[in-house]
Structure formats: structure tokens, C-alpha cells
Amino acid sequence: MPGGRRRTETAELDYERSRGTIFAALGIPETEEHKLKAGLVSKLASIMAELRLTQTAAAELTGISQPDLSRVLRGRFRDFSATRLMKAITRLHSEIEIIVRTPGREVGERILLHA
């Protein structure tokens, strides 16, 4: 080839567009609960990073053992309830606010969870 350029072939990939979450596509049951817990774990990791906490320090504050906390942060949180994850977050001096909505408006008062 002129100019030392090589021609590369591009592979065509077969794929299927998902109609739901990645959890549903992977066949993980209770996808909404799993999505909630994944979001809570993400927030927990962000708070730990913001506070510059080691897993050991965070474990002491949250009441979750360091090995369990490590598993949770690596995405193995199936055995943890959303309630337990929320308690861990509030033990890191953070608040959780729950808002219930119907189309177009909030229903009742906001729910605020804190330690």
C-alpha cells in the first residue's frame, strides 16, 4: 500500500438492543430492587471516596465487616438488603431522601432518613 498504510478489516458484531436494564438483559431476577441496590452501593462508594475513608475505616463506621464491604463495593451485594445499604450510608453521616411521585406531582411529604 502507498505511504505505508495498512488496510484493516472491521469485524461486524451481532448485537441485540435491550428493552430494559442490563440486569433484566442478564436474567437477574428482581431487576428494580437490584437497580436500587446498585445505586445505593454507588452512592456508598462515592461517600467513602469523598470522606477519604479506607474500607477498614468505613467498615467500622457502617457496621459492615471489611471483607463484606469489599464484596459489596465489587458488585457482590445480592445478599445485602436495600435497608442495610441505606443504614450504612446514614452511618457515614449522610441523609437519604425518598420522594414518591405520580405523573406530574409529588405524593405526600418527602421521607428523610438519617442516622
PDB file of N, CA and C in Angstrom:
ATOM      1  N   MET A   1       0.835  -1.179   0.000  1.00  0.00           N
ATOM      2  CA  MET A   1       0.000   0.000   0.000  1.00  0.00           C
ATOM      3  C   MET A   1       0.884   1.249   0.000  1.00  0.00           C
ATOM      4  N   PRO A   2       0.454   2.278  -0.691  1.00  0.00           N
ATOM      5  CA  PRO A   2       1.242   3.506  -0.732  1.00  0.00           C
ATOM      6  C   PRO A   2       1.285   4.182   0.637  1.00  0.00           C
ATOM      7  N   GLY A   3       2.435   4.805   0.921  1.00  0.00           N
ATOM      8  CA  GLY A   3       2.565   5.563   2.165  1.00  0.00           C
ATOM      9  C   GLY A   3       2.645   4.703   3.410  1.00  0.00           C
ATOM     10  N   GLY A   4       2.825   3.413   3.270  1.00  0.00           N
ATOM     11  CA  GLY A   4       2.970   2.538   4.420  1.00  0.00           C
ATOM     12  C   GLY A   4       1.690   2.295   5.188  1.00  0.00           C
ATOM     13  N   ARG A   5       0.577   2.660   4.659  1.00  0.00           N
ATOM     14  CA  ARG A   5      -0.699   2.441   5.355  1.00  0.00           C
ATOM     15  C   ARG A   5      -1.163   1.012   5.161  1.00  0.00           C
ATOM     16  N   ARG A   6      -1.692   0.464   6.190  1.00  0.00           N
ATOM     17  CA  ARG A   6      -2.250  -0.882   6.102  1.00  0.00           C
ATOM     18  C   ARG A   6      -3.760  -0.808   6.121  1.00  0.00           C
ATOM     19  N   ARG A   7      -4.309  -1.687   5.399  1.00  0.00           N
ATOM     20  CA  ARG A   7      -5.767  -1.767   5.370  1.00  0.00           C
ATOM     21  C   ARG A   7      -6.203  -2.735   6.458  1.00  0.00           C
ATOM     22  N   THR A   8      -7.129  -2.309   7.268  1.00  0.00           N
ATOM     23  CA  THR A   8      -7.629  -3.189   8.314  1.00  0.00           C
ATOM     24  C   THR A   8      -9.070  -3.534   8.026  1.00  0.00           C
ATOM     25  N   GLU A   9      -9.424  -4.723   8.404  1.00  0.00           N
ATOM     26  CA  GLU A   9     -10.805  -5.133   8.241  1.00  0.00           C
ATOM     27  C   GLU A   9     -11.546  -4.872   9.542  1.00  0.00           C
ATOM     28  N   THR A  10     -12.768  -4.450   9.423  1.00  0.00           N
ATOM     29  CA  THR A  10     -13.573  -4.245  10.619  1.00  0.00           C
ATOM     30  C   THR A  10     -14.515  -5.424  10.771  1.00  0.00           C
ATOM     31  N   ALA A  11     -14.591  -5.886  11.964  1.00  0.00           N
ATOM     32  CA  ALA A  11     -15.474  -7.022  12.247  1.00  0.00           C
ATOM     33  C   ALA A  11     -16.888  -6.512  12.473  1.00  0.00           C
ATOM     34  N   GLU A  12     -17.833  -7.234  11.946  1.00  0.00           N
ATOM     35  CA  GLU A  12     -19.215  -6.894  12.215  1.00  0.00           C
ATOM     36  C   GLU A  12     -19.667  -7.671  13.437  1.00  0.00           C
ATOM     37  N   LEU A  13     -20.233  -6.967  14.380  1.00  0.00           N
ATOM     38  CA  LEU A  13     -20.679  -7.589  15.615  1.00  0.00           C
ATOM     39  C   LEU A  13     -22.187  -7.746  15.600  1.00  0.00           C
ATOM     40  N   ASP A  14     -22.634  -8.899  16.039  1.00  0.00           N
ATOM     41  CA  ASP A  14     -24.059  -9.104  16.217  1.00  0.00           C
ATOM     42  C   ASP A  14     -24.433  -8.613  17.602  1.00  0.00           C
ATOM     43  N   TYR A  15     -25.504  -7.896  17.683  1.00  0.00           N
ATOM     44  CA  TYR A  15     -25.976  -7.452  18.992  1.00  0.00           C
ATOM     45  C   TYR A  15     -27.487  -7.321  18.949  1.00  0.00           C
ATOM     46  N   GLU A  16     -28.034  -7.259  20.143  1.00  0.00           N
ATOM     47  CA  GLU A  16     -29.470  -7.116  20.285  1.00  0.00           C
ATOM     48  C   GLU A  16     -29.732  -5.965  21.241  1.00  0.00           C
ATOM     49  N   ARG A  17     -30.569  -5.033  20.838  1.00  0.00           N
ATOM     50  CA  ARG A  17     -30.882  -3.882  21.680  1.00  0.00           C
ATOM     51  C   ARG A  17     -31.770  -4.332  22.839  1.00  0.00           C
ATOM     52  N   SER A  18     -31.394  -3.932  24.050  1.00  0.00           N
ATOM     53  CA  SER A  18     -32.137  -4.315  25.244  1.00  0.00           C
ATOM     54  C   SER A  18     -33.377  -3.443  25.387  1.00  0.00           C
ATOM     55  N   ARG A  19     -34.409  -4.002  25.947  1.00  0.00           N
ATOM     56  CA  ARG A  19     -35.636  -3.231  26.198  1.00  0.00           C
ATOM     57  C   ARG A  19     -35.783  -2.839  27.654  1.00  0.00           C
ATOM     58  N   GLY A  20     -34.794  -3.168  28.453  1.00  0.00           N
ATOM     59  CA  GLY A  20     -34.865  -2.854  29.874  1.00  0.00           C
ATOM     60  C   GLY A  20     -33.488  -2.525  30.407  1.00  0.00           C
ATOM     61  N   THR A  21     -33.255  -2.867  31.657  1.00  0.00           N
ATOM     62  CA  THR A  21     -31.965  -2.605  32.272  1.00  0.00           C
ATOM     63  C   THR A  21     -30.993  -3.723  31.927  1.00  0.00           C
ATOM     64  N   ILE A  22     -29.742  -3.487  32.201  1.00  0.00           N
ATOM     65  CA  ILE A  22     -28.725  -4.521  31.986  1.00  0.00           C
ATOM     66  C   ILE A  22     -29.020  -5.731  32.861  1.00  0.00           C
ATOM     67  N   PHE A  23     -29.598  -5.497  34.040  1.00  0.00           N
ATOM     68  CA  PHE A  23     -29.916  -6.598  34.946  1.00  0.00           C
ATOM     69  C   PHE A  23     -30.964  -7.524  34.332  1.00  0.00           C
ATOM     70  N   ALA A  24     -31.982  -6.932  33.731  1.00  0.00           N
ATOM     71  CA  ALA A  24     -33.022  -7.737  33.089  1.00  0.00           C
ATOM     72  C   ALA A  24     -32.440  -8.485  31.903  1.00  0.00           C
ATOM     73  N   ALA A  25     -31.582  -7.805  31.138  1.00  0.00           N
ATOM     74  CA  ALA A  25     -30.967  -8.443  29.967  1.00  0.00           C
ATOM     75  C   ALA A  25     -30.110  -9.636  30.366  1.00  0.00           C
ATOM     76  N   LEU A  26     -29.493  -9.562  31.545  1.00  0.00           N
ATOM     77  CA  LEU A  26     -28.664 -10.662  32.032  1.00  0.00           C
ATOM     78  C   LEU A  26     -29.464 -11.725  32.756  1.00  0.00           C
ATOM     79  N   GLY A  27     -30.757 -11.528  32.863  1.00  0.00           N
ATOM     80  CA  GLY A  27     -31.612 -12.513  33.510  1.00  0.00           C
ATOM     81  C   GLY A  27     -31.561 -12.480  35.025  1.00  0.00           C
ATOM     82  N   ILE A  28     -31.150 -11.342  35.589  1.00  0.00           N
ATOM     83  CA  ILE A  28     -31.093 -11.210  37.046  1.00  0.00           C
ATOM     84  C   ILE A  28     -32.501 -10.913  37.544  1.00  0.00           C
ATOM     85  N   PRO A  29     -33.016 -11.742  38.455  1.00  0.00           N
ATOM     86  CA  PRO A  29     -34.379 -11.526  38.950  1.00  0.00           C
ATOM     87  C   PRO A  29     -34.483 -10.250  39.791  1.00  0.00           C
ATOM     88  N   GLU A  30     -35.691  -9.773  39.948  1.00  0.00           N
ATOM     89  CA  GLU A  30     -35.968  -8.589  40.767  1.00  0.00           C
ATOM     90  C   GLU A  30     -35.118  -7.406  40.322  1.00  0.00           C
ATOM     91  N   THR A  31     -35.231  -7.054  39.052  1.00  0.00           N
ATOM     92  CA  THR A  31     -34.363  -6.038  38.471  1.00  0.00           C
ATOM     93  C   THR A  31     -34.496  -4.669  39.132  1.00  0.00           C
ATOM     94  N   GLU A  32     -35.690  -4.272  39.520  1.00  0.00           N
ATOM     95  CA  GLU A  32     -35.848  -2.954  40.150  1.00  0.00           C
ATOM     96  C   GLU A  32     -35.129  -2.905  41.496  1.00  0.00           C
ATOM     97  N   GLU A  33     -35.230  -3.957  42.273  1.00  0.00           N
ATOM     98  CA  GLU A  33     -34.523  -4.000  43.559  1.00  0.00           C
ATOM     99  C   GLU A  33     -33.019  -4.008  43.336  1.00  0.00           C
ATOM    100  N   HIS A  34     -32.569  -4.762  42.346  1.00  0.00           N
ATOM    101  CA  HIS A  34     -31.144  -4.824  42.044  1.00  0.00           C
ATOM    102  C   HIS A  34     -30.637  -3.448  41.590  1.00  0.00           C
ATOM    103  N   LYS A  35     -31.418  -2.762  40.799  1.00  0.00           N
ATOM    104  CA  LYS A  35     -31.065  -1.417  40.335  1.00  0.00           C
ATOM    105  C   LYS A  35     -30.970  -0.448  41.516  1.00  0.00           C
ATOM    106  N   LEU A  36     -31.911  -0.543  42.446  1.00  0.00           N
ATOM    107  CA  LEU A  36     -31.888   0.288  43.644  1.00  0.00           C
ATOM    108  C   LEU A  36     -30.621   0.015  44.452  1.00  0.00           C
ATOM    109  N   LYS A  37     -30.327  -1.270  44.681  1.00  0.00           N
ATOM    110  CA  LYS A  37     -29.151  -1.612  45.472  1.00  0.00           C
ATOM    111  C   LYS A  37     -27.863  -1.181  44.771  1.00  0.00           C
ATOM    112  N   ALA A  38     -27.804  -1.313  43.458  1.00  0.00           N
ATOM    113  CA  ALA A  38     -26.624  -0.866  42.706  1.00  0.00           C
ATOM    114  C   ALA A  38     -26.425   0.641  42.871  1.00  0.00           C
ATOM    115  N   GLY A  39     -27.523   1.387  42.834  1.00  0.00           N
ATOM    116  CA  GLY A  39     -27.441   2.830  43.039  1.00  0.00           C
ATOM    117  C   GLY A  39     -26.964   3.187  44.431  1.00  0.00           C
ATOM    118  N   LEU A  40     -27.458   2.460  45.431  1.00  0.00           N
ATOM    119  CA  LEU A  40     -27.038   2.705  46.809  1.00  0.00           C
ATOM    120  C   LEU A  40     -25.558   2.377  46.995  1.00  0.00           C
ATOM    121  N   VAL A  41     -25.095   1.296  46.403  1.00  0.00           N
ATOM    122  CA  VAL A  41     -23.680   0.920  46.500  1.00  0.00           C
ATOM    123  C   VAL A  41     -22.818   1.993  45.833  1.00  0.00           C
ATOM    124  N   SER A  42     -23.271   2.508  44.705  1.00  0.00           N
ATOM    125  CA  SER A  42     -22.541   3.575  44.022  1.00  0.00           C
ATOM    126  C   SER A  42     -22.431   4.809  44.915  1.00  0.00           C
ATOM    127  N   LYS A  43     -23.531   5.159  45.569  1.00  0.00           N
ATOM    128  CA  LYS A  43     -23.515   6.309  46.485  1.00  0.00           C
ATOM    129  C   LYS A  43     -22.598   6.043  47.676  1.00  0.00           C
ATOM    130  N   LEU A  44     -22.643   4.835  48.213  1.00  0.00           N
ATOM    131  CA  LEU A  44     -21.778   4.455  49.333  1.00  0.00           C
ATOM    132  C   LEU A  44     -20.315   4.621  48.946  1.00  0.00           C
ATOM    133  N   ALA A  45     -19.943   4.138  47.762  1.00  0.00           N
ATOM    134  CA  ALA A  45     -18.558   4.251  47.287  1.00  0.00           C
ATOM    135  C   ALA A  45     -18.172   5.721  47.104  1.00  0.00           C
ATOM    136  N   SER A  46     -19.085   6.533  46.587  1.00  0.00           N
ATOM    137  CA  SER A  46     -18.809   7.964  46.389  1.00  0.00           C
ATOM    138  C   SER A  46     -18.589   8.675  47.720  1.00  0.00           C
ATOM    139  N   ILE A  47     -19.411   8.351  48.701  1.00  0.00           N
ATOM    140  CA  ILE A  47     -19.271   8.970  50.027  1.00  0.00           C
ATOM    141  C   ILE A  47     -17.939   8.568  50.650  1.00  0.00           C
ATOM    142  N   MET A  48     -17.595   7.294  50.535  1.00  0.00           N
ATOM    143  CA  MET A  48     -16.309   6.832  51.073  1.00  0.00           C
ATOM    144  C   MET A  48     -15.151   7.581  50.421  1.00  0.00           C
ATOM    145  N   ALA A  49     -15.227   7.754  49.109  1.00  0.00           N
ATOM    146  CA  ALA A  49     -14.157   8.462  48.392  1.00  0.00           C
ATOM    147  C   ALA A  49     -14.107   9.928  48.819  1.00  0.00           C
ATOM    148  N   GLU A  50     -15.271  10.545  48.934  1.00  0.00           N
ATOM    149  CA  GLU A  50     -15.335  11.951  49.339  1.00  0.00           C
ATOM    150  C   GLU A  50     -14.754  12.159  50.734  1.00  0.00           C
ATOM    151  N   LEU A  51     -15.043  11.217  51.639  1.00  0.00           N
ATOM    152  CA  LEU A  51     -14.540  11.302  53.013  1.00  0.00           C
ATOM    153  C   LEU A  51     -13.132  10.720  53.154  1.00  0.00           C
ATOM    154  N   ARG A  52     -12.615  10.180  52.050  1.00  0.00           N
ATOM    155  CA  ARG A  52     -11.290   9.554  52.019  1.00  0.00           C
ATOM    156  C   ARG A  52     -11.158   8.448  53.060  1.00  0.00           C
ATOM    157  N   LEU A  53     -12.188   7.620  53.104  1.00  0.00           N
ATOM    158  CA  LEU A  53     -12.203   6.515  54.056  1.00  0.00           C
ATOM    159  C   LEU A  53     -11.621   5.256  53.429  1.00  0.00           C
ATOM    160  N   THR A  54     -10.821   4.557  54.180  1.00  0.00           N
ATOM    161  CA  THR A  54     -10.397   3.233  53.751  1.00  0.00           C
ATOM    162  C   THR A  54     -11.561   2.281  53.989  1.00  0.00           C
ATOM    163  N   GLN A  55     -11.481   1.111  53.404  1.00  0.00           N
ATOM    164  CA  GLN A  55     -12.529   0.119  53.655  1.00  0.00           C
ATOM    165  C   GLN A  55     -12.579  -0.242  55.132  1.00  0.00           C
ATOM    166  N   THR A  56     -11.435  -0.300  55.772  1.00  0.00           N
ATOM    167  CA  THR A  56     -11.396  -0.643  57.203  1.00  0.00           C
ATOM    168  C   THR A  56     -12.105   0.423  58.032  1.00  0.00           C
ATOM    169  N   ALA A  57     -11.820   1.693  57.747  1.00  0.00           N
ATOM    170  CA  ALA A  57     -12.465   2.784  58.492  1.00  0.00           C
ATOM    171  C   ALA A  57     -13.960   2.816  58.211  1.00  0.00           C
ATOM    172  N   ALA A  58     -14.339   2.648  56.949  1.00  0.00           N
ATOM    173  CA  ALA A  58     -15.756   2.647  56.588  1.00  0.00           C
ATOM    174  C   ALA A  58     -16.470   1.464  57.226  1.00  0.00           C
ATOM    175  N   ALA A  59     -15.809   0.327  57.298  1.00  0.00           N
ATOM    176  CA  ALA A  59     -16.406  -0.859  57.916  1.00  0.00           C
ATOM    177  C   ALA A  59     -16.726  -0.595  59.385  1.00  0.00           C
ATOM    178  N   GLU A  60     -15.812   0.050  60.079  1.00  0.00           N
ATOM    179  CA  GLU A  60     -16.049   0.358  61.493  1.00  0.00           C
ATOM    180  C   GLU A  60     -17.242   1.293  61.663  1.00  0.00           C
ATOM    181  N   LEU A  61     -17.357   2.285  60.797  1.00  0.00           N
ATOM    182  CA  LEU A  61     -18.453   3.253  60.897  1.00  0.00           C
ATOM    183  C   LEU A  61     -19.800   2.671  60.485  1.00  0.00           C
ATOM    184  N   THR A  62     -19.801   1.814  59.478  1.00  0.00           N
ATOM    185  CA  THR A  62     -21.061   1.301  58.943  1.00  0.00           C
ATOM    186  C   THR A  62     -21.567   0.050  59.646  1.00  0.00           C
ATOM    187  N   GLY A  63     -20.668  -0.645  60.342  1.00  0.00           N
ATOM    188  CA  GLY A  63     -21.069  -1.891  60.978  1.00  0.00           C
ATOM    189  C   GLY A  63     -21.040  -3.080  60.036  1.00  0.00           C
ATOM    190  N   ILE A  64     -20.481  -2.885  58.859  1.00  0.00           N
ATOM    191  CA  ILE A  64     -20.315  -3.983  57.895  1.00  0.00           C
ATOM    192  C   ILE A  64     -18.860  -4.427  57.977  1.00  0.00           C
ATOM    193  N   SER A  65     -18.610  -5.704  58.048  1.00  0.00           N
ATOM    194  CA  SER A  65     -17.222  -6.170  58.126  1.00  0.00           C
ATOM    195  C   SER A  65     -16.461  -5.739  56.873  1.00  0.00           C
ATOM    196  N   GLN A  66     -15.144  -5.574  57.015  1.00  0.00           N
ATOM    197  CA  GLN A  66     -14.344  -5.132  55.864  1.00  0.00           C
ATOM    198  C   GLN A  66     -14.422  -6.117  54.694  1.00  0.00           C
ATOM    199  N   PRO A  67     -14.346  -7.439  54.940  1.00  0.00           N
ATOM    200  CA  PRO A  67     -14.478  -8.350  53.795  1.00  0.00           C
ATOM    201  C   PRO A  67     -15.842  -8.232  53.102  1.00  0.00           C
ATOM    202  N   ASP A  68     -16.913  -8.070  53.892  1.00  0.00           N
ATOM    203  CA  ASP A  68     -18.245  -7.905  53.290  1.00  0.00           C
ATOM    204  C   ASP A  68     -18.337  -6.587  52.530  1.00  0.00           C
ATOM    205  N   LEU A  69     -17.780  -5.526  53.085  1.00  0.00           N
ATOM    206  CA  LEU A  69     -17.796  -4.229  52.417  1.00  0.00           C
ATOM    207  C   LEU A  69     -17.026  -4.306  51.098  1.00  0.00           C
ATOM    208  N   SER A  70     -15.915  -4.994  51.109  1.00  0.00           N
ATOM    209  CA  SER A  70     -15.134  -5.177  49.883  1.00  0.00           C
ATOM    210  C   SER A  70     -15.958  -5.893  48.814  1.00  0.00           C
ATOM    211  N   ARG A  71     -16.661  -6.945  49.207  1.00  0.00           N
ATOM    212  CA  ARG A  71     -17.515  -7.677  48.258  1.00  0.00           C
ATOM    213  C   ARG A  71     -18.623  -6.781  47.704  1.00  0.00           C
ATOM    214  N   VAL A  72     -19.243  -6.008  48.584  1.00  0.00           N
ATOM    215  CA  VAL A  72     -20.326  -5.109  48.160  1.00  0.00           C
ATOM    216  C   VAL A  72     -19.805  -4.097  47.141  1.00  0.00           C
ATOM    217  N   LEU A  73     -18.654  -3.510  47.422  1.00  0.00           N
ATOM    218  CA  LEU A  73     -18.088  -2.491  46.532  1.00  0.00           C
ATOM    219  C   LEU A  73     -17.627  -3.075  45.202  1.00  0.00           C
ATOM    220  N   ARG A  74     -17.411  -4.380  45.163  1.00  0.00           N
ATOM    221  CA  ARG A  74     -17.051  -5.048  43.909  1.00  0.00           C
ATOM    222  C   ARG A  74     -18.279  -5.585  43.179  1.00  0.00           C
ATOM    223  N   GLY A  75     -19.472  -5.214  43.662  1.00  0.00           N
ATOM    224  CA  GLY A  75     -20.701  -5.576  42.953  1.00  0.00           C
ATOM    225  C   GLY A  75     -21.363  -6.853  43.419  1.00  0.00           C
ATOM    226  N   ARG A  76     -20.880  -7.425  44.483  1.00  0.00           N
ATOM    227  CA  ARG A  76     -21.489  -8.646  45.019  1.00  0.00           C
ATOM    228  C   ARG A  76     -22.351  -8.295  46.221  1.00  0.00           C
ATOM    229  N   PHE A  77     -23.504  -7.686  45.932  1.00  0.00           N
ATOM    230  CA  PHE A  77     -24.374  -7.193  47.011  1.00  0.00           C
ATOM    231  C   PHE A  77     -25.720  -7.892  47.043  1.00  0.00           C
ATOM    232  N   ARG A  78     -25.848  -8.988  46.353  1.00  0.00           N
ATOM    233  CA  ARG A  78     -27.123  -9.704  46.290  1.00  0.00           C
ATOM    234  C   ARG A  78     -27.646 -10.075  47.681  1.00  0.00           C
ATOM    235  N   ASP A  79     -26.746 -10.425  48.599  1.00  0.00           N
ATOM    236  CA  ASP A  79     -27.162 -10.841  49.946  1.00  0.00           C
ATOM    237  C   ASP A  79     -27.448  -9.662  50.878  1.00  0.00           C
ATOM    238  N   PHE A  80     -27.246  -8.454  50.410  1.00  0.00           N
ATOM    239  CA  PHE A  80     -27.494  -7.271  51.227  1.00  0.00           C
ATOM    240  C   PHE A  80     -28.830  -6.666  50.848  1.00  0.00           C
ATOM    241  N   SER A  81     -29.615  -6.297  51.848  1.00  0.00           N
ATOM    242  CA  SER A  81     -30.903  -5.651  51.569  1.00  0.00           C
ATOM    243  C   SER A  81     -30.667  -4.170  51.301  1.00  0.00           C
ATOM    244  N   ALA A  82     -31.626  -3.559  50.627  1.00  0.00           N
ATOM    245  CA  ALA A  82     -31.563  -2.115  50.393  1.00  0.00           C
ATOM    246  C   ALA A  82     -31.563  -1.376  51.729  1.00  0.00           C
ATOM    247  N   THR A  83     -32.299  -1.889  52.700  1.00  0.00           N
ATOM    248  CA  THR A  83     -32.358  -1.263  54.027  1.00  0.00           C
ATOM    249  C   THR A  83     -30.985  -1.258  54.683  1.00  0.00           C
ATOM    250  N   ARG A  84     -30.279  -2.376  54.592  1.00  0.00           N
ATOM    251  CA  ARG A  84     -28.947  -2.457  55.202  1.00  0.00           C
ATOM    252  C   ARG A  84     -27.980  -1.479  54.521  1.00  0.00           C
ATOM    253  N   LEU A  85     -28.086  -1.345  53.204  1.00  0.00           N
ATOM    254  CA  LEU A  85     -27.225  -0.404  52.484  1.00  0.00           C
ATOM    255  C   LEU A  85     -27.564   1.040  52.858  1.00  0.00           C
ATOM    256  N   MET A  86     -28.860   1.338  53.034  1.00  0.00           N
ATOM    257  CA  MET A  86     -29.264   2.679  53.447  1.00  0.00           C
ATOM    258  C   MET A  86     -28.751   2.992  54.851  1.00  0.00           C
ATOM    259  N   LYS A  87     -28.802   2.006  55.744  1.00  0.00           N
ATOM    260  CA  LYS A  87     -28.268   2.211  57.100  1.00  0.00           C
ATOM    261  C   LYS A  87     -26.780   2.504  57.051  1.00  0.00           C
ATOM    262  N   ALA A  88     -26.053   1.803  56.192  1.00  0.00           N
ATOM    263  CA  ALA A  88     -24.614   2.034  56.060  1.00  0.00           C
ATOM    264  C   ALA A  88     -24.346   3.465  55.599  1.00  0.00           C
ATOM    265  N   ILE A  89     -25.132   3.939  54.644  1.00  0.00           N
ATOM    266  CA  ILE A  89     -24.963   5.306  54.141  1.00  0.00           C
ATOM    267  C   ILE A  89     -25.242   6.325  55.233  1.00  0.00           C
ATOM    268  N   THR A  90     -26.310   6.127  55.989  1.00  0.00           N
ATOM    269  CA  THR A  90     -26.641   7.097  57.041  1.00  0.00           C
ATOM    270  C   THR A  90     -25.615   7.071  58.171  1.00  0.00           C
ATOM    271  N   ARG A  91     -24.974   5.932  58.382  1.00  0.00           N
ATOM    272  CA  ARG A  91     -23.923   5.858  59.408  1.00  0.00           C
ATOM    273  C   ARG A  91     -22.660   6.601  58.988  1.00  0.00           C
ATOM    274  N   LEU A  92     -22.593   6.979  57.719  1.00  0.00           N
ATOM    275  CA  LEU A  92     -21.484   7.805  57.234  1.00  0.00           C
ATOM    276  C   LEU A  92     -21.894   9.276  57.225  1.00  0.00           C
ATOM    277  N   HIS A  93     -22.825   9.622  58.106  1.00  0.00           N
ATOM    278  CA  HIS A  93     -23.297  10.995  58.297  1.00  0.00           C
ATOM    279  C   HIS A  93     -23.891  11.587  57.020  1.00  0.00           C
ATOM    280  N   SER A  94     -24.600  10.767  56.284  1.00  0.00           N
ATOM    281  CA  SER A  94     -25.277  11.200  55.073  1.00  0.00           C
ATOM    282  C   SER A  94     -26.774  10.961  55.235  1.00  0.00           C
ATOM    283  N   GLU A  95     -27.559  11.725  54.524  1.00  0.00           N
ATOM    284  CA  GLU A  95     -29.010  11.575  54.564  1.00  0.00           C
ATOM    285  C   GLU A  95     -29.504  10.969  53.265  1.00  0.00           C
ATOM    286  N   ILE A  96     -30.622  10.286  53.344  1.00  0.00           N
ATOM    287  CA  ILE A  96     -31.284   9.729  52.165  1.00  0.00           C
ATOM    288  C   ILE A  96     -32.679  10.321  52.130  1.00  0.00           C
ATOM    289  N   GLU A  97     -33.041  10.850  50.981  1.00  0.00           N
ATOM    290  CA  GLU A  97     -34.357  11.447  50.816  1.00  0.00           C
ATOM    291  C   GLU A  97     -35.142  10.615  49.807  1.00  0.00           C
ATOM    292  N   ILE A  98     -36.356  10.243  50.183  1.00  0.00           N
ATOM    293  CA  ILE A  98     -37.207   9.452  49.306  1.00  0.00           C
ATOM    294  C   ILE A  98     -38.398  10.320  48.901  1.00  0.00           C
ATOM    295  N   ILE A  99     -38.637  10.379  47.594  1.00  0.00           N
ATOM    296  CA  ILE A  99     -39.745  11.152  47.055  1.00  0.00           C
ATOM    297  C   ILE A  99     -40.641  10.202  46.267  1.00  0.00           C
ATOM    298  N   VAL A 100     -41.927  10.221  46.570  1.00  0.00           N
ATOM    299  CA  VAL A 100     -42.890   9.398  45.847  1.00  0.00           C
ATOM    300  C   VAL A 100     -43.667  10.321  44.914  1.00  0.00           C
ATOM    301  N   ARG A 101     -43.769   9.916  43.639  1.00  0.00           N
ATOM    302  CA  ARG A 101     -44.453  10.749  42.648  1.00  0.00           C
ATOM    303  C   ARG A 101     -45.466   9.935  41.856  1.00  0.00           C
ATOM    304  N   THR A 102     -46.512  10.596  41.485  1.00  0.00           N
ATOM    305  CA  THR A 102     -47.399  10.091  40.439  1.00  0.00           C
ATOM    306  C   THR A 102     -47.128  11.007  39.254  1.00  0.00           C
ATOM    307  N   PRO A 103     -47.588  10.695  38.087  1.00  0.00           N
ATOM    308  CA  PRO A 103     -47.307  11.568  36.954  1.00  0.00           C
ATOM    309  C   PRO A 103     -47.695  13.018  37.248  1.00  0.00           C
ATOM    310  N   GLY A 104     -46.688  13.880  37.255  1.00  0.00           N
ATOM    311  CA  GLY A 104     -46.945  15.301  37.406  1.00  0.00           C
ATOM    312  C   GLY A 104     -46.908  15.880  38.803  1.00  0.00           C
ATOM    313  N   ARG A 105     -46.892  15.050  39.838  1.00  0.00           N
ATOM    314  CA  ARG A 105     -46.879  15.652  41.187  1.00  0.00           C
ATOM    315  C   ARG A 105     -46.325  14.695  42.234  1.00  0.00           C
ATOM    316  N   GLU A 106     -45.807  15.306  43.306  1.00  0.00           N
ATOM    317  CA  GLU A 106     -45.335  14.523  44.450  1.00  0.00           C
ATOM    318  C   GLU A 106     -46.526  14.091  45.282  1.00  0.00           C
ATOM    319  N   VAL A 107     -46.398  12.944  45.904  1.00  0.00           N
ATOM    320  CA  VAL A 107     -47.448  12.424  46.776  1.00  0.00           C
ATOM    321  C   VAL A 107     -46.965  12.561  48.216  1.00  0.00           C
ATOM    322  N   GLY A 108     -47.655  13.348  48.982  1.00  0.00           N
ATOM    323  CA  GLY A 108     -47.321  13.499  50.394  1.00  0.00           C
ATOM    324  C   GLY A 108     -45.969  14.162  50.629  1.00  0.00           C
ATOM    325  N   GLU A 109     -45.506  14.022  51.841  1.00  0.00           N
ATOM    326  CA  GLU A 109     -44.247  14.624  52.269  1.00  0.00           C
ATOM    327  C   GLU A 109     -43.069  13.759  51.824  1.00  0.00           C
ATOM    328  N   ARG A 110     -41.938  14.392  51.679  1.00  0.00           N
ATOM    329  CA  ARG A 110     -40.707  13.670  51.402  1.00  0.00           C
ATOM    330  C   ARG A 110     -40.291  12.920  52.658  1.00  0.00           C
ATOM    331  N   ILE A 111     -39.646  11.792  52.467  1.00  0.00           N
ATOM    332  CA  ILE A 111     -39.188  10.973  53.581  1.00  0.00           C
ATOM    333  C   ILE A 111     -37.684  11.175  53.701  1.00  0.00           C
ATOM    334  N   LEU A 112     -37.225  11.556  54.873  1.00  0.00           N
ATOM    335  CA  LEU A 112     -35.809  11.823  55.097  1.00  0.00           C
ATOM    336  C   LEU A 112     -35.276  10.818  56.094  1.00  0.00           C
ATOM    337  N   LEU A 113     -34.256  10.074  55.684  1.00  0.00           N
ATOM    338  CA  LEU A 113     -33.615   9.083  56.553  1.00  0.00           C
ATOM    339  C   LEU A 113     -32.234   9.593  56.953  1.00  0.00           C
ATOM    340  N   HIS A 114     -31.934   9.531  58.229  1.00  0.00           N
ATOM    341  CA  HIS A 114     -30.609   9.914  58.711  1.00  0.00           C
ATOM    342  C   HIS A 114     -30.285   9.107  59.952  1.00  0.00           C
ATOM    343  N   ALA A 115     -29.017   9.146  60.322  1.00  0.00           N
ATOM    344  CA  ALA A 115     -28.563   8.333  61.468  1.00  0.00           C
ATOM    345  C   ALA A 115     -29.174   8.787  62.766  1.00  0.00           C
TER     346      ALA A 115
END
